[in-house]
């Protein structure tokens, strides 16, 4: 660590506070099972902020459902991108254009149903 200790400018920092990112020397570092801190107060602040995030009902509800929605959204965007490229004439995209194939199939079913 190249920076000097936040409390002792003449000493090199050997660790970084997990909360405020200040460099601290070995004599200033407060080492716990949760990490290294510049002071006990930073450890308390860090634990309090983490507890607040875990208590947030929106964060709790977003769990697996949020991940599922995110994955579905990314997949839909990728499919739309491939379909857009295929409709513009990009040959490799035409080979994997799932939406184009789906639309063609639906169009054929519609034509069968109307008798055209």
PDB file of N, CA and C in Angstrom:
ATOM      1  N   UNK A   1       0.859  -1.167   0.000  1.00  0.00           N
ATOM      2  CA  UNK A   1       0.000   0.000   0.000  1.00  0.00           C
ATOM      3  C   UNK A   1       0.905   1.230   0.000  1.00  0.00           C
ATOM      4  N   UNK A   2       0.736   2.085  -0.944  1.00  0.00           N
ATOM      5  CA  UNK A   2       1.634   3.215  -1.142  1.00  0.00           C
ATOM      6  C   UNK A   2       1.279   4.426  -0.281  1.00  0.00           C
ATOM      7  N   UNK A   3       0.050   4.569   0.143  1.00  0.00           N
ATOM      8  CA  UNK A   3      -0.359   5.762   0.888  1.00  0.00           C
ATOM      9  C   UNK A   3       0.056   5.675   2.348  1.00  0.00           C
ATOM     10  N   UNK A   4       0.197   6.831   2.958  1.00  0.00           N
ATOM     11  CA  UNK A   4       0.564   6.905   4.370  1.00  0.00           C
ATOM     12  C   UNK A   4      -0.667   6.705   5.242  1.00  0.00           C
ATOM     13  N   UNK A   5      -0.426   6.296   6.468  1.00  0.00           N
ATOM     14  CA  UNK A   5      -1.494   6.099   7.445  1.00  0.00           C
ATOM     15  C   UNK A   5      -2.263   7.415   7.650  1.00  0.00           C
ATOM     16  N   UNK A   6      -3.572   7.323   7.787  1.00  0.00           N
ATOM     17  CA  UNK A   6      -4.402   8.515   7.984  1.00  0.00           C
ATOM     18  C   UNK A   6      -4.103   9.191   9.314  1.00  0.00           C
ATOM     19  N   UNK A   7      -3.685   8.438  10.324  1.00  0.00           N
ATOM     20  CA  UNK A   7      -3.405   8.983  11.647  1.00  0.00           C
ATOM     21  C   UNK A   7      -1.923   9.292  11.859  1.00  0.00           C
ATOM     22  N   UNK A   8      -1.048   8.577  11.166  1.00  0.00           N
ATOM     23  CA  UNK A   8       0.400   8.736  11.313  1.00  0.00           C
ATOM     24  C   UNK A   8       1.016   8.923   9.930  1.00  0.00           C
ATOM     25  N   UNK A   9       1.112  10.160   9.429  1.00  0.00           N
ATOM     26  CA  UNK A   9       1.622  10.403   8.077  1.00  0.00           C
ATOM     27  C   UNK A   9       3.049   9.899   7.835  1.00  0.00           C
ATOM     28  N   UNK A  10       3.816   9.693   8.909  1.00  0.00           N
ATOM     29  CA  UNK A  10       5.184   9.221   8.742  1.00  0.00           C
ATOM     30  C   UNK A  10       5.257   7.701   8.552  1.00  0.00           C
ATOM     31  N   UNK A  11       4.155   6.999   8.806  1.00  0.00           N
ATOM     32  CA  UNK A  11       4.120   5.535   8.658  1.00  0.00           C
ATOM     33  C   UNK A  11       3.355   5.155   7.389  1.00  0.00           C
ATOM     34  N   UNK A  12       3.803   4.093   6.731  1.00  0.00           N
ATOM     35  CA  UNK A  12       3.058   3.640   5.545  1.00  0.00           C
ATOM     36  C   UNK A  12       1.778   2.913   5.965  1.00  0.00           C
ATOM     37  N   UNK A  13       0.750   3.080   5.170  1.00  0.00           N
ATOM     38  CA  UNK A  13      -0.486   2.361   5.430  1.00  0.00           C
ATOM     39  C   UNK A  13      -0.317   0.905   5.025  1.00  0.00           C
ATOM     40  N   UNK A  14      -0.692   0.000   5.911  1.00  0.00           N
ATOM     41  CA  UNK A  14      -0.569  -1.430   5.616  1.00  0.00           C
ATOM     42  C   UNK A  14      -1.923  -2.078   5.353  1.00  0.00           C
ATOM     43  N   UNK A  15      -2.981  -1.361   5.636  1.00  0.00           N
ATOM     44  CA  UNK A  15      -4.336  -1.873   5.423  1.00  0.00           C
ATOM     45  C   UNK A  15      -5.243  -0.704   5.065  1.00  0.00           C
ATOM     46  N   UNK A  16      -6.448  -1.043   4.634  1.00  0.00           N
ATOM     47  CA  UNK A  16      -7.425  -0.020   4.258  1.00  0.00           C
ATOM     48  C   UNK A  16      -8.711  -0.288   5.027  1.00  0.00           C
ATOM     49  N   UNK A  17      -9.295   0.773   5.557  1.00  0.00           N
ATOM     50  CA  UNK A  17     -10.556   0.649   6.289  1.00  0.00           C
ATOM     51  C   UNK A  17     -11.635   0.163   5.335  1.00  0.00           C
ATOM     52  N   UNK A  18     -12.369  -0.832   5.753  1.00  0.00           N
ATOM     53  CA  UNK A  18     -13.415  -1.402   4.895  1.00  0.00           C
ATOM     54  C   UNK A  18     -14.569  -0.423   4.660  1.00  0.00           C
ATOM     55  N   UNK A  19     -14.780   0.499   5.572  1.00  0.00           N
ATOM     56  CA  UNK A  19     -15.882   1.452   5.448  1.00  0.00           C
ATOM     57  C   UNK A  19     -15.479   2.728   4.721  1.00  0.00           C
ATOM     58  N   UNK A  20     -14.469   3.417   5.214  1.00  0.00           N
ATOM     59  CA  UNK A  20     -14.138   4.740   4.655  1.00  0.00           C
ATOM     60  C   UNK A  20     -12.956   4.708   3.687  1.00  0.00           C
ATOM     61  N   UNK A  21     -12.324   3.551   3.537  1.00  0.00           N
ATOM     62  CA  UNK A  21     -11.222   3.348   2.587  1.00  0.00           C
ATOM     63  C   UNK A  21      -9.967   4.152   2.922  1.00  0.00           C
ATOM     64  N   UNK A  22      -9.827   4.613   4.149  1.00  0.00           N
ATOM     65  CA  UNK A  22      -8.628   5.333   4.580  1.00  0.00           C
ATOM     66  C   UNK A  22      -7.517   4.320   4.831  1.00  0.00           C
ATOM     67  N   UNK A  23      -6.284   4.639   4.434  1.00  0.00           N
ATOM     68  CA  UNK A  23      -5.168   3.749   4.753  1.00  0.00           C
ATOM     69  C   UNK A  23      -4.796   3.880   6.232  1.00  0.00           C
ATOM     70  N   UNK A  24      -4.463   2.771   6.859  1.00  0.00           N
ATOM     71  CA  UNK A  24      -4.060   2.775   8.265  1.00  0.00           C
ATOM     72  C   UNK A  24      -2.822   1.903   8.440  1.00  0.00           C
ATOM     73  N   UNK A  25      -2.005   2.261   9.420  1.00  0.00           N
ATOM     74  CA  UNK A  25      -0.813   1.461   9.718  1.00  0.00           C
ATOM     75  C   UNK A  25      -1.225   0.284  10.610  1.00  0.00           C
ATOM     76  N   UNK A  26      -0.282  -0.592  10.868  1.00  0.00           N
ATOM     77  CA  UNK A  26      -0.569  -1.788  11.658  1.00  0.00           C
ATOM     78  C   UNK A  26      -1.013  -1.449  13.078  1.00  0.00           C
ATOM     79  N   UNK A  27      -0.482  -0.377  13.655  1.00  0.00           N
ATOM     80  CA  UNK A  27      -0.863  -0.034  15.041  1.00  0.00           C
ATOM     81  C   UNK A  27      -2.254   0.614  15.115  1.00  0.00           C
ATOM     82  N   UNK A  28      -2.736   1.192  14.020  1.00  0.00           N
ATOM     83  CA  UNK A  28      -4.057   1.835  14.015  1.00  0.00           C
ATOM     84  C   UNK A  28      -5.177   0.889  13.583  1.00  0.00           C
ATOM     85  N   UNK A  29      -4.845  -0.147  12.864  1.00  0.00           N
ATOM     86  CA  UNK A  29      -5.867  -1.036  12.287  1.00  0.00           C
ATOM     87  C   UNK A  29      -6.634  -1.769  13.380  1.00  0.00           C
ATOM     88  N   UNK A  30      -7.943  -1.742  13.274  1.00  0.00           N
ATOM     89  CA  UNK A  30      -8.821  -2.491  14.159  1.00  0.00           C
ATOM     90  C   UNK A  30      -9.287  -3.692  13.341  1.00  0.00           C
ATOM     91  N   UNK A  31      -8.740  -4.862  13.638  1.00  0.00           N
ATOM     92  CA  UNK A  31      -9.016  -6.065  12.858  1.00  0.00           C
ATOM     93  C   UNK A  31     -10.072  -6.892  13.566  1.00  0.00           C
ATOM     94  N   UNK A  32     -11.147  -7.205  12.853  1.00  0.00           N
ATOM     95  CA  UNK A  32     -12.210  -8.061  13.382  1.00  0.00           C
ATOM     96  C   UNK A  32     -12.484  -9.165  12.361  1.00  0.00           C
ATOM     97  N   UNK A  33     -13.385 -10.058  12.698  1.00  0.00           N
ATOM     98  CA  UNK A  33     -13.753 -11.133  11.775  1.00  0.00           C
ATOM     99  C   UNK A  33     -14.466 -10.570  10.540  1.00  0.00           C
ATOM    100  N   UNK A  34     -15.080  -9.404  10.673  1.00  0.00           N
ATOM    101  CA  UNK A  34     -15.804  -8.785   9.561  1.00  0.00           C
ATOM    102  C   UNK A  34     -14.910  -7.953   8.659  1.00  0.00           C
ATOM    103  N   UNK A  35     -13.680  -7.630   9.081  1.00  0.00           N
ATOM    104  CA  UNK A  35     -12.786  -6.846   8.250  1.00  0.00           C
ATOM    105  C   UNK A  35     -11.871  -5.954   9.072  1.00  0.00           C
ATOM    106  N   UNK A  36     -11.158  -5.088   8.377  1.00  0.00           N
ATOM    107  CA  UNK A  36     -10.223  -4.158   9.013  1.00  0.00           C
ATOM    108  C   UNK A  36     -10.820  -2.759   8.966  1.00  0.00           C
ATOM    109  N   UNK A  37     -10.736  -2.048  10.090  1.00  0.00           N
ATOM    110  CA  UNK A  37     -11.333  -0.720  10.220  1.00  0.00           C
ATOM    111  C   UNK A  37     -10.291   0.262  10.705  1.00  0.00           C
ATOM    112  N   UNK A  38     -10.506   1.549  10.440  1.00  0.00           N
ATOM    113  CA  UNK A  38      -9.609   2.582  10.961  1.00  0.00           C
ATOM    114  C   UNK A  38      -9.978   2.920  12.396  1.00  0.00           C
ATOM    115  N   UNK A  39     -11.215   2.616  12.788  1.00  0.00           N
ATOM    116  CA  UNK A  39     -11.682   2.874  14.147  1.00  0.00           C
ATOM    117  C   UNK A  39     -12.871   1.962  14.425  1.00  0.00           C
ATOM    118  N   UNK A  40     -13.198   1.746  15.696  1.00  0.00           N
ATOM    119  CA  UNK A  40     -14.382   0.945  16.008  1.00  0.00           C
ATOM    120  C   UNK A  40     -15.665   1.580  15.450  1.00  0.00           C
ATOM    121  N   UNK A  41     -15.685   2.915  15.372  1.00  0.00           N
ATOM    122  CA  UNK A  41     -16.870   3.611  14.857  1.00  0.00           C
ATOM    123  C   UNK A  41     -17.164   3.220  13.404  1.00  0.00           C
ATOM    124  N   UNK A  42     -16.105   3.097  12.595  1.00  0.00           N
ATOM    125  CA  UNK A  42     -16.315   2.715  11.196  1.00  0.00           C
ATOM    126  C   UNK A  42     -16.906   1.308  11.097  1.00  0.00           C
ATOM    127  N   UNK A  43     -16.493   0.422  11.987  1.00  0.00           N
ATOM    128  CA  UNK A  43     -17.071  -0.922  12.016  1.00  0.00           C
ATOM    129  C   UNK A  43     -18.551  -0.885  12.351  1.00  0.00           C
ATOM    130  N   UNK A  44     -18.926  -0.046  13.320  1.00  0.00           N
ATOM    131  CA  UNK A  44     -20.333   0.094  13.713  1.00  0.00           C
ATOM    132  C   UNK A  44     -21.150   0.681  12.561  1.00  0.00           C
ATOM    133  N   UNK A  45     -20.620   1.714  11.906  1.00  0.00           N
ATOM    134  CA  UNK A  45     -21.323   2.339  10.771  1.00  0.00           C
ATOM    135  C   UNK A  45     -21.522   1.316   9.661  1.00  0.00           C
ATOM    136  N   UNK A  46     -20.494   0.537   9.376  1.00  0.00           N
ATOM    137  CA  UNK A  46     -20.584  -0.460   8.310  1.00  0.00           C
ATOM    138  C   UNK A  46     -21.667  -1.496   8.617  1.00  0.00           C
ATOM    139  N   UNK A  47     -21.680  -1.994   9.839  1.00  0.00           N
ATOM    140  CA  UNK A  47     -22.700  -2.985  10.215  1.00  0.00           C
ATOM    141  C   UNK A  47     -24.097  -2.375  10.171  1.00  0.00           C
ATOM    142  N   UNK A  48     -24.244  -1.126  10.600  1.00  0.00           N
ATOM    143  CA  UNK A  48     -25.553  -0.467  10.582  1.00  0.00           C
ATOM    144  C   UNK A  48     -26.054  -0.276   9.157  1.00  0.00           C
ATOM    145  N   UNK A  49     -25.171   0.126   8.254  1.00  0.00           N
ATOM    146  CA  UNK A  49     -25.584   0.311   6.859  1.00  0.00           C
ATOM    147  C   UNK A  49     -25.962  -1.009   6.210  1.00  0.00           C
ATOM    148  N   UNK A  50     -25.213  -2.070   6.499  1.00  0.00           N
ATOM    149  CA  UNK A  50     -25.552  -3.384   5.951  1.00  0.00           C
ATOM    150  C   UNK A  50     -26.878  -3.883   6.494  1.00  0.00           C
ATOM    151  N   UNK A  51     -27.154  -3.637   7.776  1.00  0.00           N
ATOM    152  CA  UNK A  51     -28.426  -4.049   8.367  1.00  0.00           C
ATOM    153  C   UNK A  51     -29.576  -3.288   7.727  1.00  0.00           C
ATOM    154  N   UNK A  52     -29.381  -2.009   7.419  1.00  0.00           N
ATOM    155  CA  UNK A  52     -30.439  -1.201   6.804  1.00  0.00           C
ATOM    156  C   UNK A  52     -30.772  -1.731   5.413  1.00  0.00           C
ATOM    157  N   UNK A  53     -29.767  -2.125   4.650  1.00  0.00           N
ATOM    158  CA  UNK A  53     -30.012  -2.671   3.318  1.00  0.00           C
ATOM    159  C   UNK A  53     -30.792  -3.971   3.421  1.00  0.00           C
ATOM    160  N   UNK A  54     -30.453  -4.817   4.392  1.00  0.00           N
ATOM    161  CA  UNK A  54     -31.147  -6.096   4.555  1.00  0.00           C
ATOM    162  C   UNK A  54     -32.585  -5.908   5.024  1.00  0.00           C
ATOM    163  N   UNK A  55     -32.868  -4.812   5.757  1.00  0.00           N
ATOM    164  CA  UNK A  55     -34.215  -4.545   6.243  1.00  0.00           C
ATOM    165  C   UNK A  55     -35.118  -3.925   5.190  1.00  0.00           C
ATOM    166  N   UNK A  56     -34.549  -3.355   4.153  1.00  0.00           N
ATOM    167  CA  UNK A  56     -35.322  -2.663   3.123  1.00  0.00           C
ATOM    168  C   UNK A  56     -36.262  -3.655   2.434  1.00  0.00           C
ATOM    169  N   UNK A  57     -37.582  -3.470   2.530  1.00  0.00           N
ATOM    170  CA  UNK A  57     -38.519  -4.437   1.962  1.00  0.00           C
ATOM    171  C   UNK A  57     -38.394  -4.565   0.448  1.00  0.00           C
ATOM    172  N   UNK A  58     -38.059  -3.503  -0.239  1.00  0.00           N
ATOM    173  CA  UNK A  58     -37.907  -3.584  -1.687  1.00  0.00           C
ATOM    174  C   UNK A  58     -36.728  -4.485  -2.045  1.00  0.00           C
ATOM    175  N   UNK A  59     -35.629  -4.363  -1.306  1.00  0.00           N
ATOM    176  CA  UNK A  59     -34.465  -5.199  -1.554  1.00  0.00           C
ATOM    177  C   UNK A  59     -34.783  -6.661  -1.241  1.00  0.00           C
ATOM    178  N   UNK A  60     -35.571  -6.896  -0.216  1.00  0.00           N
ATOM    179  CA  UNK A  60     -35.921  -8.257   0.161  1.00  0.00           C
ATOM    180  C   UNK A  60     -36.811  -8.895  -0.902  1.00  0.00           C
ATOM    181  N   UNK A  61     -37.783  -8.150  -1.414  1.00  0.00           N
ATOM    182  CA  UNK A  61     -38.712  -8.676  -2.414  1.00  0.00           C
ATOM    183  C   UNK A  61     -38.046  -8.894  -3.758  1.00  0.00           C
ATOM    184  N   UNK A  62     -37.002  -8.145  -4.046  1.00  0.00           N
ATOM    185  CA  UNK A  62     -36.367  -8.228  -5.361  1.00  0.00           C
ATOM    186  C   UNK A  62     -35.585  -9.518  -5.533  1.00  0.00           C
ATOM    187  N   UNK A  63     -35.376 -10.283  -4.496  1.00  0.00           N
ATOM    188  CA  UNK A  63     -34.601 -11.522  -4.518  1.00  0.00           C
ATOM    189  C   UNK A  63     -34.631 -12.299  -5.818  1.00  0.00           C
ATOM    190  N   UNK A  64     -35.219 -13.480  -5.810  1.00  0.00           N
ATOM    191  CA  UNK A  64     -35.205 -14.339  -6.996  1.00  0.00           C
ATOM    192  C   UNK A  64     -36.103 -13.789  -8.085  1.00  0.00           C
ATOM    193  N   UNK A  65     -37.194 -13.129  -7.728  1.00  0.00           N
ATOM    194  CA  UNK A  65     -38.098 -12.584  -8.742  1.00  0.00           C
ATOM    195  C   UNK A  65     -37.408 -11.475  -9.535  1.00  0.00           C
ATOM    196  N   UNK A  66     -36.658 -10.626  -8.851  1.00  0.00           N
ATOM    197  CA  UNK A  66     -35.921  -9.562  -9.536  1.00  0.00           C
ATOM    198  C   UNK A  66     -34.888 -10.120 -10.487  1.00  0.00           C
ATOM    199  N   UNK A  67     -34.201 -11.170 -10.060  1.00  0.00           N
ATOM    200  CA  UNK A  67     -33.202 -11.807 -10.918  1.00  0.00           C
ATOM    201  C   UNK A  67     -33.860 -12.435 -12.135  1.00  0.00           C
ATOM    202  N   UNK A  68     -35.009 -13.065 -11.922  1.00  0.00           N
ATOM    203  CA  UNK A  68     -35.728 -13.693 -13.026  1.00  0.00           C
ATOM    204  C   UNK A  68     -36.196 -12.644 -14.041  1.00  0.00           C
ATOM    205  N   UNK A  69     -36.705 -11.524 -13.561  1.00  0.00           N
ATOM    206  CA  UNK A  69     -37.144 -10.440 -14.449  1.00  0.00           C
ATOM    207  C   UNK A  69     -35.957  -9.857 -15.201  1.00  0.00           C
ATOM    208  N   UNK A  70     -34.834  -9.693 -14.516  1.00  0.00           N
ATOM    209  CA  UNK A  70     -33.637  -9.159 -15.173  1.00  0.00           C
ATOM    210  C   UNK A  70     -33.147 -10.095 -16.273  1.00  0.00           C
ATOM    211  N   UNK A  71     -33.115 -11.387 -16.001  1.00  0.00           N
ATOM    212  CA  UNK A  71     -32.680 -12.362 -17.003  1.00  0.00           C
ATOM    213  C   UNK A  71     -33.635 -12.360 -18.193  1.00  0.00           C
ATOM    214  N   UNK A  72     -34.933 -12.346 -17.928  1.00  0.00           N
ATOM    215  CA  UNK A  72     -35.923 -12.321 -19.009  1.00  0.00           C
ATOM    216  C   UNK A  72     -35.769 -11.062 -19.857  1.00  0.00           C
ATOM    217  N   UNK A  73     -35.562  -9.927 -19.201  1.00  0.00           N
ATOM    218  CA  UNK A  73     -35.399  -8.660 -19.928  1.00  0.00           C
ATOM    219  C   UNK A  73     -34.162  -8.675 -20.814  1.00  0.00           C
ATOM    220  N   UNK A  74     -33.063  -9.176 -20.290  1.00  0.00           N
ATOM    221  CA  UNK A  74     -31.836  -9.257 -21.089  1.00  0.00           C
ATOM    222  C   UNK A  74     -31.995 -10.210 -22.269  1.00  0.00           C
ATOM    223  N   UNK A  75     -32.666 -11.335 -22.045  1.00  0.00           N
ATOM    224  CA  UNK A  75     -32.912 -12.284 -23.127  1.00  0.00           C
ATOM    225  C   UNK A  75     -33.793 -11.656 -24.205  1.00  0.00           C
ATOM    226  N   UNK A  76     -34.828 -10.943 -23.793  1.00  0.00           N
ATOM    227  CA  UNK A  76     -35.713 -10.277 -24.746  1.00  0.00           C
ATOM    228  C   UNK A  76     -34.958  -9.220 -25.547  1.00  0.00           C
ATOM    229  N   UNK A  77     -34.111  -8.445 -24.877  1.00  0.00           N
ATOM    230  CA  UNK A  77     -33.312  -7.445 -25.589  1.00  0.00           C
ATOM    231  C   UNK A  77     -32.372  -8.094 -26.598  1.00  0.00           C
ATOM    232  N   UNK A  78     -31.770  -9.216 -26.220  1.00  0.00           N
ATOM    233  CA  UNK A  78     -30.871  -9.919 -27.141  1.00  0.00           C
ATOM    234  C   UNK A  78     -31.653 -10.439 -28.349  1.00  0.00           C
ATOM    235  N   UNK A  79     -32.826 -11.010 -28.109  1.00  0.00           N
ATOM    236  CA  UNK A  79     -33.652 -11.519 -29.219  1.00  0.00           C
ATOM    237  C   UNK A  79     -34.094 -10.389 -30.136  1.00  0.00           C
ATOM    238  N   UNK A  80     -34.464  -9.256 -29.565  1.00  0.00           N
ATOM    239  CA  UNK A  80     -34.857  -8.108 -30.379  1.00  0.00           C
ATOM    240  C   UNK A  80     -33.683  -7.578 -31.194  1.00  0.00           C
ATOM    241  N   UNK A  81     -32.501  -7.580 -30.604  1.00  0.00           N
ATOM    242  CA  UNK A  81     -31.305  -7.138 -31.325  1.00  0.00           C
ATOM    243  C   UNK A  81     -30.993  -8.042 -32.507  1.00  0.00           C
ATOM    244  N   UNK A  82     -31.086  -9.352 -32.293  1.00  0.00           N
ATOM    245  CA  UNK A  82     -30.832 -10.302 -33.382  1.00  0.00           C
ATOM    246  C   UNK A  82     -31.897 -10.148 -34.461  1.00  0.00           C
ATOM    247  N   UNK A  83     -33.150  -9.991 -34.066  1.00  0.00           N
ATOM    248  CA  UNK A  83     -34.231  -9.827 -35.043  1.00  0.00           C
ATOM    249  C   UNK A  83     -34.037  -8.539 -35.850  1.00  0.00           C
ATOM    250  N   UNK A  84     -33.642  -7.465 -35.169  1.00  0.00           N
ATOM    251  CA  UNK A  84     -33.389  -6.206 -35.868  1.00  0.00           C
ATOM    252  C   UNK A  84     -32.260  -6.347 -36.871  1.00  0.00           C
ATOM    253  N   UNK A  85     -31.201  -7.043 -36.497  1.00  0.00           N
ATOM    254  CA  UNK A  85     -30.081  -7.251 -37.420  1.00  0.00           C
ATOM    255  C   UNK A  85     -30.510  -8.126 -38.594  1.00  0.00           C
ATOM    256  N   UNK A  86     -31.290  -9.148 -38.318  1.00  0.00           N
ATOM    257  CA  UNK A  86     -31.750 -10.046 -39.388  1.00  0.00           C
ATOM    258  C   UNK A  86     -32.662  -9.315 -40.359  1.00  0.00           C
ATOM    259  N   UNK A  87     -33.502  -8.437 -39.857  1.00  0.00           N
ATOM    260  CA  UNK A  87     -34.406  -7.705 -40.741  1.00  0.00           C
ATOM    261  C   UNK A  87     -33.661  -6.675 -41.591  1.00  0.00           C
ATOM    262  N   UNK A  88     -32.449  -6.327 -41.172  1.00  0.00           N
ATOM    263  CA  UNK A  88     -31.619  -5.403 -41.958  1.00  0.00           C
ATOM    264  C   UNK A  88     -30.709  -6.142 -42.936  1.00  0.00           C
ATOM    265  N   UNK A  89     -30.797  -7.462 -42.950  1.00  0.00           N
ATOM    266  CA  UNK A  89     -30.056  -8.241 -43.939  1.00  0.00           C
ATOM    267  C   UNK A  89     -28.748  -8.844 -43.474  1.00  0.00           C
ATOM    268  N   UNK A  90     -28.468  -8.873 -42.187  1.00  0.00           N
ATOM    269  CA  UNK A  90     -27.239  -9.490 -41.686  1.00  0.00           C
ATOM    270  C   UNK A  90     -27.423 -11.010 -41.721  1.00  0.00           C
ATOM    271  N   UNK A  91     -26.662 -11.696 -42.601  1.00  0.00           N
ATOM    272  CA  UNK A  91     -26.861 -13.125 -42.824  1.00  0.00           C
ATOM    273  C   UNK A  91     -26.666 -13.990 -41.581  1.00  0.00           C
ATOM    274  N   UNK A  92     -25.597 -13.789 -40.768  1.00  0.00           N
ATOM    275  CA  UNK A  92     -25.461 -14.635 -39.571  1.00  0.00           C
ATOM    276  C   UNK A  92     -26.627 -14.467 -38.594  1.00  0.00           C
ATOM    277  N   UNK A  93     -27.193 -13.280 -38.542  1.00  0.00           N
ATOM    278  CA  UNK A  93     -28.322 -13.054 -37.633  1.00  0.00           C
ATOM    279  C   UNK A  93     -29.574 -13.761 -38.131  1.00  0.00           C
ATOM    280  N   UNK A  94     -29.720 -13.894 -39.462  1.00  0.00           N
ATOM    281  CA  UNK A  94     -30.900 -14.574 -40.005  1.00  0.00           C
ATOM    282  C   UNK A  94     -30.946 -16.030 -39.586  1.00  0.00           C
ATOM    283  N   UNK A  95     -29.775 -16.654 -39.436  1.00  0.00           N
ATOM    284  CA  UNK A  95     -29.723 -18.063 -39.057  1.00  0.00           C
ATOM    285  C   UNK A  95     -30.208 -18.310 -37.630  1.00  0.00           C
ATOM    286  N   UNK A  96     -30.088 -17.308 -36.753  1.00  0.00           N
ATOM    287  CA  UNK A  96     -30.478 -17.500 -35.351  1.00  0.00           C
ATOM    288  C   UNK A  96     -31.630 -16.587 -34.942  1.00  0.00           C
ATOM    289  N   UNK A  97     -32.368 -16.073 -35.893  1.00  0.00           N
ATOM    290  CA  UNK A  97     -33.465 -15.145 -35.610  1.00  0.00           C
ATOM    291  C   UNK A  97     -34.700 -15.915 -35.145  1.00  0.00           C
ATOM    292  N   UNK A  98     -34.774 -16.171 -33.873  1.00  0.00           N
ATOM    293  CA  UNK A  98     -35.893 -16.918 -33.300  1.00  0.00           C
ATOM    294  C   UNK A  98     -37.196 -16.138 -33.420  1.00  0.00           C
ATOM    295  N   UNK A  99     -37.160 -14.837 -33.180  1.00  0.00           N
ATOM    296  CA  UNK A  99     -38.380 -14.032 -33.274  1.00  0.00           C
ATOM    297  C   UNK A  99     -38.907 -14.011 -34.709  1.00  0.00           C
ATOM    298  N   UNK A 100     -38.006 -13.916 -35.697  1.00  0.00           N
ATOM    299  CA  UNK A 100     -38.434 -13.933 -37.095  1.00  0.00           C
ATOM    300  C   UNK A 100     -39.123 -15.241 -37.450  1.00  0.00           C
ATOM    301  N   UNK A 101     -38.561 -16.350 -36.969  1.00  0.00           N
ATOM    302  CA  UNK A 101     -39.168 -17.652 -37.220  1.00  0.00           C
ATOM    303  C   UNK A 101     -40.528 -17.755 -36.533  1.00  0.00           C
ATOM    304  N   UNK A 102     -40.622 -17.227 -35.336  1.00  0.00           N
ATOM    305  CA  UNK A 102     -41.896 -17.238 -34.615  1.00  0.00           C
ATOM    306  C   UNK A 102     -42.943 -16.404 -35.350  1.00  0.00           C
ATOM    307  N   UNK A 103     -42.549 -15.215 -35.806  1.00  0.00           N
ATOM    308  CA  UNK A 103     -43.491 -14.364 -36.532  1.00  0.00           C
ATOM    309  C   UNK A 103     -43.927 -15.004 -37.844  1.00  0.00           C
ATOM    310  N   UNK A 104     -43.007 -15.666 -38.552  1.00  0.00           N
ATOM    311  CA  UNK A 104     -43.364 -16.350 -39.794  1.00  0.00           C
ATOM    312  C   UNK A 104     -44.338 -17.480 -39.527  1.00  0.00           C
ATOM    313  N   UNK A 105     -44.103 -18.233 -38.448  1.00  0.00           N
ATOM    314  CA  UNK A 105     -45.013 -19.321 -38.080  1.00  0.00           C
ATOM    315  C   UNK A 105     -46.398 -18.806 -37.735  1.00  0.00           C
ATOM    316  N   UNK A 106     -46.458 -17.709 -36.990  1.00  0.00           N
ATOM    317  CA  UNK A 106     -47.755 -17.130 -36.639  1.00  0.00           C
ATOM    318  C   UNK A 106     -48.474 -16.599 -37.876  1.00  0.00           C
ATOM    319  N   UNK A 107     -47.702 -16.029 -38.793  1.00  0.00           N
ATOM    320  CA  UNK A 107     -48.276 -15.522 -40.037  1.00  0.00           C
ATOM    321  C   UNK A 107     -48.861 -16.662 -40.865  1.00  0.00           C
ATOM    322  N   UNK A 108     -48.142 -17.781 -40.910  1.00  0.00           N
ATOM    323  CA  UNK A 108     -48.643 -18.943 -41.656  1.00  0.00           C
ATOM    324  C   UNK A 108     -49.916 -19.486 -41.026  1.00  0.00           C
ATOM    325  N   UNK A 109     -49.971 -19.537 -39.691  1.00  0.00           N
ATOM    326  CA  UNK A 109     -51.176 -20.002 -39.007  1.00  0.00           C
ATOM    327  C   UNK A 109     -52.355 -19.070 -39.277  1.00  0.00           C
ATOM    328  N   UNK A 110     -52.081 -17.794 -39.299  1.00  0.00           N
ATOM    329  CA  UNK A 110     -53.132 -16.814 -39.574  1.00  0.00           C
ATOM    330  C   UNK A 110     -53.679 -16.982 -40.982  1.00  0.00           C
ATOM    331  N   UNK A 111     -52.778 -17.218 -41.937  1.00  0.00           N
ATOM    332  CA  UNK A 111     -53.210 -17.428 -43.328  1.00  0.00           C
ATOM    333  C   UNK A 111     -53.999 -18.714 -43.476  1.00  0.00           C
ATOM    334  N   UNK A 112     -53.629 -19.755 -42.743  1.00  0.00           N
ATOM    335  CA  UNK A 112     -54.374 -21.031 -42.779  1.00  0.00           C
ATOM    336  C   UNK A 112     -55.773 -20.847 -42.229  1.00  0.00           C
ATOM    337  N   UNK A 113     -55.849 -20.063 -41.138  1.00  0.00           N
ATOM    338  CA  UNK A 113     -57.140 -19.844 -40.471  1.00  0.00           C
ATOM    339  C   UNK A 113     -58.097 -19.016 -41.322  1.00  0.00           C
ATOM    340  N   UNK A 114     -57.583 -18.113 -42.152  1.00  0.00           N
ATOM    341  CA  UNK A 114     -58.453 -17.279 -42.982  1.00  0.00           C
ATOM    342  C   UNK A 114     -58.691 -17.916 -44.350  1.00  0.00           C
ATOM    343  N   UNK A 115     -57.952 -18.983 -44.674  1.00  0.00           N
ATOM    344  CA  UNK A 115     -58.167 -19.685 -45.931  1.00  0.00           C
ATOM    345  C   UNK A 115     -57.509 -19.029 -47.130  1.00  0.00           C
ATOM    346  N   UNK A 116     -56.529 -18.212 -46.954  1.00  0.00           N
ATOM    347  CA  UNK A 116     -55.847 -17.557 -48.073  1.00  0.00           C
ATOM    348  C   UNK A 116     -54.829 -18.420 -48.712  1.00  0.00           C
TER     349      UNK A 116
END
